[in-house]
Amino acid sequence: MTVLLPNKRVESYRVDPLTYEQSVAPVEPELLREAIAYYQTASKAFKEGALQISP
């Protein structure tokens, strides 16, 4: 799991699927790029109002 933090900080964790136990892991460049892409997409959708639920 890659976590984007303020001031361009990044943390990465490995999560055990059975116990959900977390351990610190090295940041993988591909996962970092993917996390940034998800963040940018969600930010754009939010700014454009695309995340609103229509009645």
C-alpha atoms as a PDB file:
ATOM      1  CA  MET A   1       0.000   0.000   0.000  1.00  0.00           C
ATOM      2  CA  THR A   2       1.408   3.366  -0.997  1.00  0.00           C
ATOM      3  CA  VAL A   3       0.438   6.428   1.049  1.00  0.00           C
ATOM      4  CA  LEU A   4       0.799   9.947  -0.340  1.00  0.00           C
ATOM      5  CA  LEU A   5       1.415  12.519   2.399  1.00  0.00           C
ATOM      6  CA  PRO A   6       1.669  16.327   2.426  1.00  0.00           C
ATOM      7  CA  ASN A   7       4.919  17.973   1.311  1.00  0.00           C
ATOM      8  CA  LYS A   8       5.624  15.271  -1.313  1.00  0.00           C
ATOM      9  CA  ARG A   9       6.286  12.603   1.317  1.00  0.00           C
ATOM     10  CA  VAL A  10       5.508   8.964   0.546  1.00  0.00           C
ATOM     11  CA  GLU A  11       5.246   5.889   2.739  1.00  0.00           C
ATOM     12  CA  SER A  12       4.801   2.304   1.671  1.00  0.00           C
ATOM     13  CA  TYR A  13       3.532  -0.698   3.599  1.00  0.00           C
ATOM     14  CA  ARG A  14       3.138  -4.404   3.018  1.00  0.00           C
ATOM     15  CA  VAL A  15      -0.168  -5.751   4.396  1.00  0.00           C
ATOM     16  CA  ASP A  16      -0.685  -9.401   5.302  1.00  0.00           C
ATOM     17  CA  PRO A  17      -4.029 -10.437   3.721  1.00  0.00           C
ATOM     18  CA  LEU A  18      -4.873 -12.868   6.542  1.00  0.00           C
ATOM     19  CA  THR A  19      -4.021 -10.838   9.642  1.00  0.00           C
ATOM     20  CA  TYR A  20      -4.022  -7.323   8.119  1.00  0.00           C
ATOM     21  CA  GLU A  21      -0.709  -6.779   9.890  1.00  0.00           C
ATOM     22  CA  GLN A  22       1.317  -3.964   8.335  1.00  0.00           C
ATOM     23  CA  SER A  23       5.053  -3.670   7.905  1.00  0.00           C
ATOM     24  CA  VAL A  24       7.064  -0.860   6.356  1.00  0.00           C
ATOM     25  CA  ALA A  25       8.181  -1.626   2.795  1.00  0.00           C
ATOM     26  CA  PRO A  26      10.354   0.162   0.252  1.00  0.00           C
ATOM     27  CA  VAL A  27       8.515   2.491  -2.117  1.00  0.00           C
ATOM     28  CA  GLU A  28       8.068   0.833  -5.513  1.00  0.00           C
ATOM     29  CA  PRO A  29       8.241   3.394  -8.360  1.00  0.00           C
ATOM     30  CA  GLU A  30       5.408   1.770 -10.353  1.00  0.00           C
ATOM     31  CA  LEU A  31       3.049   1.747  -7.350  1.00  0.00           C
ATOM     32  CA  LEU A  32       3.981   5.360  -6.607  1.00  0.00           C
ATOM     33  CA  ARG A  33       3.090   6.414 -10.163  1.00  0.00           C
ATOM     34  CA  GLU A  34      -0.199   4.529  -9.890  1.00  0.00           C
ATOM     35  CA  ALA A  35      -1.076   6.179  -6.549  1.00  0.00           C
ATOM     36  CA  ILE A  36      -0.347   9.636  -8.004  1.00  0.00           C
ATOM     37  CA  ALA A  37      -2.500   8.883 -11.048  1.00  0.00           C
ATOM     38  CA  TYR A  38      -5.435   7.778  -8.845  1.00  0.00           C
ATOM     39  CA  TYR A  39      -5.060  10.919  -6.722  1.00  0.00           C
ATOM     40  CA  GLN A  40      -4.958  13.221  -9.754  1.00  0.00           C
ATOM     41  CA  THR A  41      -8.003  11.539 -11.318  1.00  0.00           C
ATOM     42  CA  ALA A  42     -10.035  11.788  -8.109  1.00  0.00           C
ATOM     43  CA  SER A  43      -8.984  15.411  -7.590  1.00  0.00           C
ATOM     44  CA  LYS A  44     -10.071  16.373 -11.105  1.00  0.00           C
ATOM     45  CA  ALA A  45     -13.414  14.572 -10.753  1.00  0.00           C
ATOM     46  CA  PHE A  46     -14.040  16.273  -7.395  1.00  0.00           C
ATOM     47  CA  LYS A  47     -13.231  19.743  -8.764  1.00  0.00           C
ATOM     48  CA  GLU A  48     -15.551  19.198 -11.738  1.00  0.00           C
ATOM     49  CA  GLY A  49     -18.403  17.935  -9.544  1.00  0.00           C
ATOM     50  CA  ALA A  50     -18.339  14.486 -11.137  1.00  0.00           C
ATOM     51  CA  LEU A  51     -18.484  12.752  -7.743  1.00  0.00           C
ATOM     52  CA  GLN A  52     -21.875  14.168  -6.795  1.00  0.00           C
ATOM     53  CA  ILE A  53     -24.779  11.750  -6.536  1.00  0.00           C
ATOM     54  CA  SER A  54     -27.638  12.744  -8.827  1.00  0.00           C
ATOM     55  CA  PRO A  55     -31.177  12.427  -7.520  1.00  0.00           C
END
